[in-house]
PDB file of N, CA and C in Angstrom:
ATOM      1  N   MET A   1      66.739 115.533 108.533  1.00  0.00           N
ATOM      2  CA  MET A   1      68.050 116.450 108.397  1.00  0.00           C
ATOM      3  C   MET A   1      67.672 117.460 107.561  1.00  0.00           C
ATOM      4  N   TYR A   2      68.098 118.737 107.972  1.00  0.00           N
ATOM      5  CA  TYR A   2      68.037 119.943 107.428  1.00  0.00           C
ATOM      6  C   TYR A   2      68.999 120.198 106.318  1.00  0.00           C
ATOM      7  N   GLY A   3      68.785 120.428 105.008  1.00  0.00           N
ATOM      8  CA  GLY A   3      69.910 120.497 104.188  1.00  0.00           C
ATOM      9  C   GLY A   3      70.294 119.306 103.299  1.00  0.00           C
ATOM     10  N   ALA A   4      69.452 118.305 103.428  1.00  0.00           N
ATOM     11  CA  ALA A   4      69.859 116.995 102.910  1.00  0.00           C
ATOM     12  C   ALA A   4      69.722 117.177 101.272  1.00  0.00           C
ATOM     13  N   GLU A   5      69.046 117.887 100.844  1.00  0.00           N
ATOM     14  CA  GLU A   5      69.038 118.081  99.437  1.00  0.00           C
ATOM     15  C   GLU A   5      70.365 118.704  98.823  1.00  0.00           C
ATOM     16  N   ILE A   6      70.927 119.503  99.560  1.00  0.00           N
ATOM     17  CA  ILE A   6      72.254 120.210  99.185  1.00  0.00           C
ATOM     18  C   ILE A   6      73.471 119.165  99.427  1.00  0.00           C
ATOM     19  N   LEU A   7      73.211 118.515 100.625  1.00  0.00           N
ATOM     20  CA  LEU A   7      74.348 117.465 100.897  1.00  0.00           C
ATOM     21  C   LEU A   7      74.178 116.349  99.838  1.00  0.00           C
ATOM     22  N   SER A   8      73.282 115.983  99.213  1.00  0.00           N
ATOM     23  CA  SER A   8      73.148 115.024  98.075  1.00  0.00           C
ATOM     24  C   SER A   8      74.193 115.392  96.951  1.00  0.00           C
ATOM     25  N   LEU A   9      74.261 116.754  96.656  1.00  0.00           N
ATOM     26  CA  LEU A   9      75.275 117.081  95.578  1.00  0.00           C
ATOM     27  C   LEU A   9      76.630 117.033  95.890  1.00  0.00           C
ATOM     28  N   ALA A  10      76.919 116.915  97.147  1.00  0.00           N
ATOM     29  CA  ALA A  10      78.326 116.891  97.639  1.00  0.00           C
ATOM     30  C   ALA A  10      78.916 115.606  97.463  1.00  0.00           C
ATOM     31  N   ALA A  11      80.192 115.451  97.404  1.00  0.00           N
ATOM     32  CA  ALA A  11      81.088 114.193  97.197  1.00  0.00           C
ATOM     33  C   ALA A  11      80.810 113.356  98.462  1.00  0.00           C
ATOM     34  N   PRO A  12      80.659 111.895  98.287  1.00  0.00           N
ATOM     35  CA  PRO A  12      80.549 111.286  99.579  1.00  0.00           C
ATOM     36  C   PRO A  12      81.569 111.231 100.575  1.00  0.00           C
ATOM     37  N   LYS A  13      82.846 111.521 100.015  1.00  0.00           N
ATOM     38  CA  LYS A  13      83.939 111.734 100.856  1.00  0.00           C
ATOM     39  C   LYS A  13      83.805 112.923 101.887  1.00  0.00           C
ATOM     40  N   ASN A  14      83.185 113.951 101.144  1.00  0.00           N
ATOM     41  CA  ASN A  14      83.067 115.222 101.916  1.00  0.00           C
ATOM     42  C   ASN A  14      81.805 115.154 102.915  1.00  0.00           C
ATOM     43  N   ASN A  15      80.794 114.259 102.609  1.00  0.00           N
ATOM     44  CA  ASN A  15      79.803 113.934 103.439  1.00  0.00           C
ATOM     45  C   ASN A  15      80.270 113.155 104.689  1.00  0.00           C
ATOM     46  N   LYS A  16      81.161 112.374 104.444  1.00  0.00           N
ATOM     47  CA  LYS A  16      81.747 111.612 105.635  1.00  0.00           C
ATOM     48  C   LYS A  16      82.524 112.383 106.349  1.00  0.00           C
ATOM     49  N   LYS A  17      83.434 113.345 105.835  1.00  0.00           N
ATOM     50  CA  LYS A  17      84.082 114.308 106.686  1.00  0.00           C
ATOM     51  C   LYS A  17      83.236 115.236 107.483  1.00  0.00           C
ATOM     52  N   ILE A  18      82.204 115.744 107.188  1.00  0.00           N
ATOM     53  CA  ILE A  18      81.303 116.452 107.777  1.00  0.00           C
ATOM     54  C   ILE A  18      80.767 115.796 108.921  1.00  0.00           C
ATOM     55  N   GLN A  19      80.249 114.527 108.738  1.00  0.00           N
ATOM     56  CA  GLN A  19      79.566 113.768 109.681  1.00  0.00           C
ATOM     57  C   GLN A  19      80.490 113.401 110.744  1.00  0.00           C
ATOM     58  N   LYS A  20      81.885 112.942 110.356  1.00  0.00           N
ATOM     59  CA  LYS A  20      82.695 112.628 111.252  1.00  0.00           C
ATOM     60  C   LYS A  20      83.067 113.727 112.279  1.00  0.00           C
ATOM     61  N   LYS A  21      83.259 114.959 111.860  1.00  0.00           N
ATOM     62  CA  LYS A  21      83.628 116.129 112.619  1.00  0.00           C
ATOM     63  C   LYS A  21      82.331 116.449 113.584  1.00  0.00           C
ATOM     64  N   ILE A  22      81.075 116.182 113.043  1.00  0.00           N
ATOM     65  CA  ILE A  22      80.053 116.713 113.858  1.00  0.00           C
ATOM     66  C   ILE A  22      79.724 115.762 114.884  1.00  0.00           C
ATOM     67  N   LEU A  23      80.024 114.286 114.538  1.00  0.00           N
ATOM     68  CA  LEU A  23      79.806 113.344 115.681  1.00  0.00           C
ATOM     69  C   LEU A  23      80.780 113.459 116.625  1.00  0.00           C
ATOM     70  N   LYS A  24      81.951 113.868 116.387  1.00  0.00           N
ATOM     71  CA  LYS A  24      83.057 113.912 117.451  1.00  0.00           C
ATOM     72  C   LYS A  24      82.814 115.126 118.347  1.00  0.00           C
ATOM     73  N   ILE A  25      82.365 116.351 117.713  1.00  0.00           N
ATOM     74  CA  ILE A  25      82.000 117.259 118.388  1.00  0.00           C
ATOM     75  C   ILE A  25      80.981 117.157 119.352  1.00  0.00           C
ATOM     76  N   ILE A  26      79.785 116.522 118.908  1.00  0.00           N
ATOM     77  CA  ILE A  26      78.713 116.174 119.830  1.00  0.00           C
ATOM     78  C   ILE A  26      78.908 115.287 120.880  1.00  0.00           C
ATOM     79  N   THR A  27      79.788 114.165 120.577  1.00  0.00           N
ATOM     80  CA  THR A  27      80.128 113.263 121.709  1.00  0.00           C
ATOM     81  C   THR A  27      81.328 113.695 122.562  1.00  0.00           C
ATOM     82  N   ASN A  28      81.824 114.755 122.074  1.00  0.00           N
ATOM     83  CA  ASN A  28      83.244 115.238 122.817  1.00  0.00           C
ATOM     84  C   ASN A  28      84.241 114.094 122.870  1.00  0.00           C
ATOM     85  N   ALA A  29      84.507 113.281 121.890  1.00  0.00           N
ATOM     86  CA  ALA A  29      85.295 112.375 121.891  1.00  0.00           C
ATOM     87  C   ALA A  29      86.771 112.740 121.616  1.00  0.00           C
ATOM     88  N   PRO A  30      87.681 112.100 122.290  1.00  0.00           N
ATOM     89  CA  PRO A  30      89.064 112.464 121.963  1.00  0.00           C
ATOM     90  C   PRO A  30      89.740 112.108 120.613  1.00  0.00           C
ATOM     91  N   TRP A  31      90.727 112.730 120.378  1.00  0.00           N
ATOM     92  CA  TRP A  31      91.281 112.552 118.981  1.00  0.00           C
ATOM     93  C   TRP A  31      91.634 111.094 118.469  1.00  0.00           C
ATOM     94  N   TYR A  32      91.830 110.329 119.658  1.00  0.00           N
ATOM     95  CA  TYR A  32      92.263 108.753 119.357  1.00  0.00           C
ATOM     96  C   TYR A  32      91.227 107.950 119.158  1.00  0.00           C
ATOM     97  N   ILE A  33      89.957 108.385 119.301  1.00  0.00           N
ATOM     98  CA  ILE A  33      88.800 107.503 119.369  1.00  0.00           C
ATOM     99  C   ILE A  33      88.569 107.470 117.661  1.00  0.00           C
ATOM    100  N   ARG A  34      88.247 106.183 117.158  1.00  0.00           N
ATOM    101  CA  ARG A  34      88.150 106.116 115.610  1.00  0.00           C
ATOM    102  C   ARG A  34      86.638 106.387 115.504  1.00  0.00           C
ATOM    103  N   TYR A  35      86.304 106.987 114.079  1.00  0.00           N
ATOM    104  CA  TYR A  35      85.096 107.408 113.768  1.00  0.00           C
ATOM    105  C   TYR A  35      84.140 106.212 113.817  1.00  0.00           C
ATOM    106  N   ASN A  36      84.532 105.009 113.391  1.00  0.00           N
ATOM    107  CA  ASN A  36      83.704 103.889 113.139  1.00  0.00           C
ATOM    108  C   ASN A  36      83.040 103.501 114.597  1.00  0.00           C
ATOM    109  N   VAL A  37      83.963 103.808 115.667  1.00  0.00           N
ATOM    110  CA  VAL A  37      83.503 103.432 116.965  1.00  0.00           C
ATOM    111  C   VAL A  37      82.545 104.206 117.421  1.00  0.00           C
ATOM    112  N   VAL A  38      82.683 105.498 117.187  1.00  0.00           N
ATOM    113  CA  VAL A  38      81.720 106.567 117.761  1.00  0.00           C
ATOM    114  C   VAL A  38      80.397 106.327 116.769  1.00  0.00           C
ATOM    115  N   HIS A  39      80.446 106.159 115.555  1.00  0.00           N
ATOM    116  CA  HIS A  39      79.350 105.728 114.801  1.00  0.00           C
ATOM    117  C   HIS A  39      78.673 104.609 115.233  1.00  0.00           C
ATOM    118  N   SER A  40      79.270 103.383 115.537  1.00  0.00           N
ATOM    119  CA  SER A  40      78.536 102.311 115.844  1.00  0.00           C
ATOM    120  C   SER A  40      78.002 102.525 117.181  1.00  0.00           C
ATOM    121  N   VAL A  41      78.661 103.141 118.206  1.00  0.00           N
ATOM    122  CA  VAL A  41      77.979 103.116 119.509  1.00  0.00           C
ATOM    123  C   VAL A  41      76.625 104.253 119.440  1.00  0.00           C
ATOM    124  N   LEU A  42      76.887 105.297 118.624  1.00  0.00           N
ATOM    125  CA  LEU A  42      75.488 105.988 118.475  1.00  0.00           C
ATOM    126  C   LEU A  42      74.477 105.370 117.532  1.00  0.00           C
ATOM    127  N   ASN A  43      74.929 104.354 116.843  1.00  0.00           N
ATOM    128  CA  ASN A  43      73.937 103.742 115.885  1.00  0.00           C
ATOM    129  C   ASN A  43      73.000 104.737 115.033  1.00  0.00           C
ATOM    130  N   ILE A  44      73.834 105.672 114.333  1.00  0.00           N
ATOM    131  CA  ILE A  44      73.322 106.685 113.435  1.00  0.00           C
ATOM    132  C   ILE A  44      73.655 106.206 112.064  1.00  0.00           C
ATOM    133  N   GLU A  45      72.726 106.399 111.218  1.00  0.00           N
ATOM    134  CA  GLU A  45      72.808 106.149 109.713  1.00  0.00           C
ATOM    135  C   GLU A  45      73.861 107.164 109.037  1.00  0.00           C
ATOM    136  N   THR A  46      74.455 106.708 107.894  1.00  0.00           N
ATOM    137  CA  THR A  46      75.496 107.690 107.364  1.00  0.00           C
ATOM    138  C   THR A  46      74.625 108.776 106.654  1.00  0.00           C
ATOM    139  N   VAL A  47      75.208 109.886 106.186  1.00  0.00           N
ATOM    140  CA  VAL A  47      74.739 110.850 105.388  1.00  0.00           C
ATOM    141  C   VAL A  47      74.056 110.386 104.040  1.00  0.00           C
ATOM    142  N   GLN A  48      74.826 109.466 103.425  1.00  0.00           N
ATOM    143  CA  GLN A  48      74.421 108.917 102.189  1.00  0.00           C
ATOM    144  C   GLN A  48      73.430 108.076 102.318  1.00  0.00           C
ATOM    145  N   ASP A  49      73.182 107.220 103.497  1.00  0.00           N
ATOM    146  CA  ASP A  49      72.011 106.456 103.477  1.00  0.00           C
ATOM    147  C   ASP A  49      70.750 107.240 103.884  1.00  0.00           C
ATOM    148  N   PHE A  50      71.008 108.289 104.673  1.00  0.00           N
ATOM    149  CA  PHE A  50      69.867 109.079 104.989  1.00  0.00           C
ATOM    150  C   PHE A  50      69.140 109.971 103.720  1.00  0.00           C
ATOM    151  N   ILE A  51      70.279 110.289 102.846  1.00  0.00           N
ATOM    152  CA  ILE A  51      69.736 111.032 101.674  1.00  0.00           C
ATOM    153  C   ILE A  51      69.040 110.009 100.804  1.00  0.00           C
ATOM    154  N   THR A  52      69.482 108.825 100.647  1.00  0.00           N
ATOM    155  CA  THR A  52      68.970 107.802  99.694  1.00  0.00           C
ATOM    156  C   THR A  52      67.644 107.568 100.326  1.00  0.00           C
ATOM    157  N   HIS A  53      67.425 107.212 101.519  1.00  0.00           N
ATOM    158  CA  HIS A  53      66.192 107.046 102.273  1.00  0.00           C
ATOM    159  C   HIS A  53      65.030 108.070 102.121  1.00  0.00           C
ATOM    160  N   PHE A  54      65.604 109.230 102.271  1.00  0.00           N
ATOM    161  CA  PHE A  54      64.755 110.337 102.112  1.00  0.00           C
ATOM    162  C   PHE A  54      64.248 110.513 100.768  1.00  0.00           C
ATOM    163  N   SER A  55      65.101 110.599  99.759  1.00  0.00           N
ATOM    164  CA  SER A  55      64.641 110.735  98.477  1.00  0.00           C
ATOM    165  C   SER A  55      63.744 109.509  97.895  1.00  0.00           C
ATOM    166  N   ARG A  56      64.065 108.345  98.318  1.00  0.00           N
ATOM    167  CA  ARG A  56      63.141 107.236  97.934  1.00  0.00           C
ATOM    168  C   ARG A  56      61.743 107.445  98.514  1.00  0.00           C
ATOM    169  N   LYS A  57      61.698 107.939  99.865  1.00  0.00           N
ATOM    170  CA  LYS A  57      60.417 108.100 100.462  1.00  0.00           C
ATOM    171  C   LYS A  57      59.689 109.396  99.643  1.00  0.00           C
ATOM    172  N   PHE A  58      60.362 110.302  99.307  1.00  0.00           N
ATOM    173  CA  PHE A  58      59.819 111.294  98.561  1.00  0.00           C
ATOM    174  C   PHE A  58      59.265 110.873  97.393  1.00  0.00           C
ATOM    175  N   PHE A  59      60.007 110.255  96.443  1.00  0.00           N
ATOM    176  CA  PHE A  59      59.591 109.725  95.202  1.00  0.00           C
ATOM    177  C   PHE A  59      58.404 108.795  95.242  1.00  0.00           C
ATOM    178  N   ASN A  60      58.522 107.819  96.515  1.00  0.00           N
ATOM    179  CA  ASN A  60      57.266 106.883  96.437  1.00  0.00           C
ATOM    180  C   ASN A  60      56.043 107.724  96.872  1.00  0.00           C
ATOM    181  N   GLY A  61      56.219 108.768  97.473  1.00  0.00           N
ATOM    182  CA  GLY A  61      55.099 109.647  97.760  1.00  0.00           C
ATOM    183  C   GLY A  61      54.536 110.262  96.556  1.00  0.00           C
ATOM    184  N   ILE A  62      55.365 110.507  95.466  1.00  0.00           N
ATOM    185  CA  ILE A  62      54.898 111.116  94.388  1.00  0.00           C
ATOM    186  C   ILE A  62      53.959 110.075  93.494  1.00  0.00           C
ATOM    187  N   ILE A  63      54.647 108.781  93.533  1.00  0.00           N
ATOM    188  CA  ILE A  63      53.894 107.780  92.893  1.00  0.00           C
ATOM    189  C   ILE A  63      52.530 107.593  93.288  1.00  0.00           C
ATOM    190  N   ASP A  64      52.452 107.561  94.678  1.00  0.00           N
ATOM    191  CA  ASP A  64      51.163 107.299  95.458  1.00  0.00           C
ATOM    192  C   ASP A  64      50.307 108.597  95.488  1.00  0.00           C
ATOM    193  N   ASN A  65      50.483 109.558  94.963  1.00  0.00           N
ATOM    194  CA  ASN A  65      49.862 111.028  95.062  1.00  0.00           C
ATOM    195  C   ASN A  65      48.540 110.928  94.187  1.00  0.00           C
ATOM    196  N   PRO A  66      47.394 111.290  94.880  1.00  0.00           N
ATOM    197  CA  PRO A  66      46.277 111.258  94.003  1.00  0.00           C
ATOM    198  C   PRO A  66      46.163 112.553  92.928  1.00  0.00           C
ATOM    199  N   ASN A  67      46.800 113.475  93.230  1.00  0.00           N
ATOM    200  CA  ASN A  67      46.810 114.710  92.448  1.00  0.00           C
ATOM    201  C   ASN A  67      47.272 114.384  90.866  1.00  0.00           C
ATOM    202  N   ASP A  68      46.330 114.654  89.983  1.00  0.00           N
ATOM    203  CA  ASP A  68      46.761 114.281  88.581  1.00  0.00           C
ATOM    204  C   ASP A  68      48.098 115.129  87.980  1.00  0.00           C
ATOM    205  N   LEU A  69      48.242 116.222  88.574  1.00  0.00           N
ATOM    206  CA  LEU A  69      49.498 116.998  88.153  1.00  0.00           C
ATOM    207  C   LEU A  69      50.720 116.411  88.882  1.00  0.00           C
ATOM    208  N   ILE A  70      50.599 115.966  89.906  1.00  0.00           N
ATOM    209  CA  ILE A  70      51.950 115.431  90.328  1.00  0.00           C
ATOM    210  C   ILE A  70      52.390 113.978  90.075  1.00  0.00           C
ATOM    211  N   ALA A  71      51.270 113.249  90.039  1.00  0.00           N
ATOM    212  CA  ALA A  71      51.660 111.719  89.722  1.00  0.00           C
ATOM    213  C   ALA A  71      52.335 111.505  88.331  1.00  0.00           C
ATOM    214  N   PRO A  72      52.257 112.354  87.295  1.00  0.00           N
ATOM    215  CA  PRO A  72      52.930 112.032  86.203  1.00  0.00           C
ATOM    216  C   PRO A  72      54.449 112.499  86.090  1.00  0.00           C
ATOM    217  N   GLN A  73      54.841 113.135  87.231  1.00  0.00           N
ATOM    218  CA  GLN A  73      56.268 113.583  87.393  1.00  0.00           C
ATOM    219  C   GLN A  73      57.188 112.326  87.667  1.00  0.00           C
ATOM    220  N   THR A  74      56.722 111.175  87.791  1.00  0.00           N
ATOM    221  CA  THR A  74      57.597 110.034  87.878  1.00  0.00           C
ATOM    222  C   THR A  74      58.097 109.426  86.570  1.00  0.00           C
ATOM    223  N   SER A  75      57.597 109.950  85.620  1.00  0.00           N
ATOM    224  CA  SER A  75      58.130 109.594  84.201  1.00  0.00           C
ATOM    225  C   SER A  75      59.408 110.491  83.917  1.00  0.00           C
ATOM    226  N   PHE A  76      60.580 109.822  84.317  1.00  0.00           N
ATOM    227  CA  PHE A  76      61.781 110.466  84.219  1.00  0.00           C
ATOM    228  C   PHE A  76      62.437 110.322  82.749  1.00  0.00           C
ATOM    229  N   THR A  77      63.373 111.203  82.544  1.00  0.00           N
ATOM    230  CA  THR A  77      64.281 110.836  81.230  1.00  0.00           C
ATOM    231  C   THR A  77      65.525 110.695  81.898  1.00  0.00           C
ATOM    232  N   ASN A  78      66.455 110.279  80.928  1.00  0.00           N
ATOM    233  CA  ASN A  78      68.019 109.821  81.434  1.00  0.00           C
ATOM    234  C   ASN A  78      68.626 111.223  81.900  1.00  0.00           C
ATOM    235  N   ASN A  79      69.572 110.902  83.022  1.00  0.00           N
ATOM    236  CA  ASN A  79      70.305 112.042  83.415  1.00  0.00           C
ATOM    237  C   ASN A  79      71.618 112.078  82.722  1.00  0.00           C
ATOM    238  N   ARG A  80      71.814 113.230  82.184  1.00  0.00           N
ATOM    239  CA  ARG A  80      73.069 113.523  81.228  1.00  0.00           C
ATOM    240  C   ARG A  80      73.657 114.595  81.858  1.00  0.00           C
ATOM    241  N   GLY A  81      73.356 114.848  83.166  1.00  0.00           N
ATOM    242  CA  GLY A  81      73.934 116.256  83.861  1.00  0.00           C
ATOM    243  C   GLY A  81      75.069 115.845  84.573  1.00  0.00           C
ATOM    244  N   LYS A  82      75.637 116.878  85.185  1.00  0.00           N
ATOM    245  CA  LYS A  82      76.899 116.818  85.847  1.00  0.00           C
ATOM    246  C   LYS A  82      76.862 115.923  87.338  1.00  0.00           C
ATOM    247  N   HIS A  83      75.665 116.096  87.947  1.00  0.00           N
ATOM    248  CA  HIS A  83      75.567 115.439  89.288  1.00  0.00           C
ATOM    249  C   HIS A  83      74.631 114.220  89.232  1.00  0.00           C
ATOM    250  N   SER A  84      75.080 113.251  89.882  1.00  0.00           N
ATOM    251  CA  SER A  84      74.093 111.992  90.112  1.00  0.00           C
ATOM    252  C   SER A  84      73.151 112.169  91.219  1.00  0.00           C
ATOM    253  N   TYR A  85      72.120 111.557  91.135  1.00  0.00           N
ATOM    254  CA  TYR A  85      71.051 111.687  92.107  1.00  0.00           C
ATOM    255  C   TYR A  85      70.963 110.516  93.005  1.00  0.00           C
ATOM    256  N   PRO A  86      70.751 110.732  94.399  1.00  0.00           N
ATOM    257  CA  PRO A  86      70.725 109.686  95.234  1.00  0.00           C
ATOM    258  C   PRO A  86      69.616 108.554  95.097  1.00  0.00           C
ATOM    259  N   TYR A  87      68.677 108.892  94.269  1.00  0.00           N
ATOM    260  CA  TYR A  87      67.683 107.946  93.946  1.00  0.00           C
ATOM    261  C   TYR A  87      67.979 107.189  92.714  1.00  0.00           C
ATOM    262  N   SER A  88      69.040 107.287  92.012  1.00  0.00           N
ATOM    263  CA  SER A  88      69.354 106.712  90.766  1.00  0.00           C
ATOM    264  C   SER A  88      69.690 105.447  90.963  1.00  0.00           C
ATOM    265  N   THR A  89      70.127 104.898  92.217  1.00  0.00           N
ATOM    266  CA  THR A  89      70.483 103.500  92.419  1.00  0.00           C
ATOM    267  C   THR A  89      69.146 102.712  92.671  1.00  0.00           C
ATOM    268  N   THR A  90      68.881 101.920  91.872  1.00  0.00           N
ATOM    269  CA  THR A  90      67.708 101.084  92.030  1.00  0.00           C
ATOM    270  C   THR A  90      67.762  99.630  92.374  1.00  0.00           C
ATOM    271  N   ASN A  91      68.956  99.239  93.025  1.00  0.00           N
ATOM    272  CA  ASN A  91      69.090  97.904  93.327  1.00  0.00           C
ATOM    273  C   ASN A  91      68.243  97.285  94.536  1.00  0.00           C
ATOM    274  N   LYS A  92      67.704  98.250  95.338  1.00  0.00           N
ATOM    275  CA  LYS A  92      66.822  97.749  96.358  1.00  0.00           C
ATOM    276  C   LYS A  92      65.520  97.971  96.338  1.00  0.00           C
ATOM    277  N   TRP A  93      64.943  98.545  95.043  1.00  0.00           N
ATOM    278  CA  TRP A  93      63.611  99.011  94.887  1.00  0.00           C
ATOM    279  C   TRP A  93      62.720  97.963  94.317  1.00  0.00           C
ATOM    280  N   THR A  94      61.496  97.966  94.534  1.00  0.00           N
ATOM    281  CA  THR A  94      60.712  97.168  94.010  1.00  0.00           C
ATOM    282  C   THR A  94      60.029  97.873  92.598  1.00  0.00           C
ATOM    283  N   ILE A  95      60.077  99.194  92.589  1.00  0.00           N
ATOM    284  CA  ILE A  95      59.692 100.056  91.425  1.00  0.00           C
ATOM    285  C   ILE A  95      60.809 100.839  91.042  1.00  0.00           C
ATOM    286  N   PRO A  96      61.715 100.519  90.106  1.00  0.00           N
ATOM    287  CA  PRO A  96      62.716 101.214  89.673  1.00  0.00           C
ATOM    288  C   PRO A  96      62.561 102.553  89.273  1.00  0.00           C
ATOM    289  N   LEU A  97      63.057 103.639  89.843  1.00  0.00           N
ATOM    290  CA  LEU A  97      62.906 104.980  89.507  1.00  0.00           C
ATOM    291  C   LEU A  97      64.434 105.536  88.797  1.00  0.00           C
ATOM    292  N   LYS A  98      64.263 106.168  87.845  1.00  0.00           N
ATOM    293  CA  LYS A  98      65.390 106.693  87.206  1.00  0.00           C
ATOM    294  C   LYS A  98      65.381 108.165  87.415  1.00  0.00           C
ATOM    295  N   PRO A  99      66.657 108.749  87.420  1.00  0.00           N
ATOM    296  CA  PRO A  99      66.773 110.189  87.563  1.00  0.00           C
ATOM    297  C   PRO A  99      66.348 111.130  86.451  1.00  0.00           C
ATOM    298  N   PRO A 100      65.862 112.356  86.753  1.00  0.00           N
ATOM    299  CA  PRO A 100      65.257 113.207  85.712  1.00  0.00           C
ATOM    300  C   PRO A 100      66.434 113.491  84.740  1.00  0.00           C
TER     301      PRO A 100
END
């Protein structure tokens, strides 16, 4: 998905709105069809799930990178910033990664 990095900073509610509108336009669904029906029929993952999967794949690639300059980038510090990061949820990971 193009622009996943930017969508990761948007609120989950806004991501759902965008995905809902785009899926209804793509399928040409009438107004009375519920979003969850369109979503389940198309079997498309949500924007948040895609962003989480995308960032986990990226950071796992950093861990396995043989380059000596890239591999140490996985030693993160605590996030005290305004935005949360999609890879800060570590409940399904075998190697917990913390946001920068």
